[in-house]
Protein backbone atom coordinates (compact mmCIF):
# COMPACT_ATOMS: atom_id res chain seq x y z
CA MET A 1 -6.41 18.03 -21.16
CA ILE A 2 -8.06 19.25 -17.95
CA HIS A 3 -8.78 16.54 -15.41
CA LYS A 4 -11.25 17.55 -12.79
CA CYS A 5 -12.22 15.67 -9.74
CA ILE A 6 -13.87 16.27 -6.41
CA ALA A 7 -11.14 17.10 -3.93
CA LEU A 8 -11.32 17.53 -0.13
CA VAL A 9 -9.16 20.50 0.72
CA VAL A 10 -8.00 20.93 4.32
CA PRO A 11 -6.27 24.32 4.83
CA ALA A 12 -3.54 24.82 7.36
CA ARG A 13 -5.12 28.07 8.65
CA LEU A 14 -7.86 27.18 11.09
CA SER A 15 -9.75 30.27 10.07
CA GLU A 16 -10.19 28.83 6.49
CA GLU A 17 -13.10 26.43 5.78
CA VAL A 18 -12.49 22.69 4.85
CA THR A 19 -14.06 22.36 1.52
CA ALA A 20 -14.95 19.69 -1.01
CA GLY A 21 -15.34 20.77 -4.59
CA ILE A 22 -14.38 20.23 -8.18
CA LEU A 23 -10.72 20.96 -8.87
CA ASP A 24 -8.38 20.61 -11.84
CA VAL A 25 -6.02 17.88 -10.54
CA ARG A 26 -3.31 17.91 -13.16
CA HIS A 27 0.02 17.74 -11.38
CA GLY A 28 1.27 20.97 -12.96
CA THR A 29 -1.85 22.76 -11.84
CA LEU A 30 -1.71 21.48 -8.25
CA GLN A 31 1.97 22.50 -8.00
CA ALA A 32 1.15 26.00 -9.30
CA LEU A 33 -1.56 26.37 -6.60
CA TYR A 34 0.21 24.51 -3.70
CA GLY A 35 3.89 24.46 -4.41
CA PRO A 36 6.00 21.29 -4.64
CA LEU A 37 3.98 18.25 -3.48
CA ASP A 38 4.39 14.88 -1.91
CA CYS A 39 1.86 12.19 -2.05
CA ILE A 40 0.72 9.90 0.79
CA VAL A 41 -1.26 6.89 -0.51
CA CYS A 42 -3.59 4.80 1.62
CA GLY A 43 -6.00 2.27 -0.13
CA ASP A 44 -8.57 4.00 -2.27
CA TRP A 45 -7.46 7.61 -1.52
CA GLN A 46 -4.32 9.74 -1.33
CA VAL A 47 -3.28 13.18 0.10
CA TYR A 48 -1.04 15.73 -1.46
CA VAL A 49 0.98 17.75 1.05
CA ARG A 50 3.87 20.25 0.61
CA ALA A 51 7.19 18.58 -0.11
CA ASP A 52 9.03 21.37 1.60
CA SER A 53 7.12 21.31 4.88
CA SER A 54 10.28 22.04 6.84
CA SER A 55 10.51 25.50 5.33
CA GLY A 56 8.48 27.26 8.05
CA LEU A 57 4.88 26.45 6.85
CA ARG A 58 2.23 26.39 9.53
CA PRO A 59 1.25 22.97 10.84
CA ASN A 60 -2.02 21.55 9.66
CA VAL A 61 -3.55 20.09 12.70
CA ARG A 62 -6.82 19.12 10.96
CA ALA A 63 -5.03 17.19 8.23
CA THR A 64 -2.94 15.52 10.78
CA GLN A 65 -5.97 14.60 12.75
CA LEU A 66 -7.80 13.31 9.71
CA LEU A 67 -4.72 11.13 8.80
CA HIS A 68 -4.76 9.78 12.39
CA GLU A 69 -8.40 8.89 12.26
CA THR A 70 -7.78 6.87 9.07
CA GLY A 71 -5.12 4.90 10.88
CA LEU A 72 -1.99 6.74 9.52
CA TYR A 73 0.19 8.02 12.39
CA LEU A 74 2.46 10.19 10.57
CA PRO A 75 4.43 13.13 11.82
CA GLU A 76 2.79 16.41 11.68
CA VAL A 77 1.63 17.73 8.28
CA ALA A 78 2.35 21.30 7.28
CA GLY A 79 0.74 23.53 4.76
CA ASN A 80 -2.62 22.85 2.88
CA ALA A 81 -3.59 19.29 2.32
CA LEU A 82 -5.45 17.97 -0.77
CA TYR A 83 -7.30 14.67 -0.47
CA LEU A 84 -8.23 12.70 -3.62
CA GLY A 85 -9.44 9.27 -4.54
CA ARG A 86 -7.15 6.75 -6.21
CA THR A 87 -7.87 4.15 -8.89
CA ASP A 88 -6.29 0.70 -8.94
CA HIS A 89 -3.91 2.00 -11.61
CA GLY A 90 -2.81 5.09 -9.60
CA TRP A 91 -4.91 7.72 -11.37
CA ASP A 92 -6.41 10.57 -9.32
CA THR A 93 -10.29 10.38 -9.01
CA ASP A 94 -12.87 11.88 -6.75
CA ALA A 95 -12.26 11.92 -3.04
CA PRO A 96 -14.13 8.85 -1.64
CA ALA A 97 -17.45 9.55 0.16
CA HIS A 98 -16.28 7.80 3.31
CA LEU A 99 -13.35 10.24 3.68
CA ILE A 100 -15.59 13.27 3.08
CA ARG A 101 -18.08 11.98 5.74
CA LEU A 102 -15.30 11.48 8.18
CA ALA A 103 -14.05 15.02 7.70
CA GLU A 104 -17.56 16.31 8.14
CA ARG A 105 -17.86 14.50 11.43
CA LEU A 106 -14.30 15.50 12.64
CA PHE A 107 -14.62 19.12 11.72
CA ASP A 108 -18.37 19.46 12.43
CA THR A 109 -19.20 20.85 9.04
CA ARG A 110 -21.39 19.99 6.13
CA LEU A 111 -19.43 19.77 2.83
CA ALA A 112 -21.70 20.87 0.05
CA THR A 113 -20.53 18.37 -2.60
CA ALA A 114 -20.69 15.43 -0.27
CA GLU A 115 -23.91 14.54 -2.10
CA LEU A 116 -21.92 14.15 -5.31
CA VAL A 117 -19.77 11.24 -4.24
């Protein structure tokens, strides 16, 4: 069964737009799109990043900055980053509005689906 949520996607390439949109968030689908994934959990949200980030992927300075702004001081993130919400039971859900608004402020952009959350 398809499980769609509003996801905040922060590409590693600075030339690519940060987006917030509807995405099929089944684990198999995410791995097919982004490769092997690790998950970082923080309160009501989580971020999926490449599990094999040491394999020559380009650093994702925007995702690293967003993590720092939320209070997570982790080593540099590499590859694309996918932010989602998280329920009390650990299920994926829509990226929280406060995270989308923070990304809008940090990256000086307006994310079209911000009104949906």
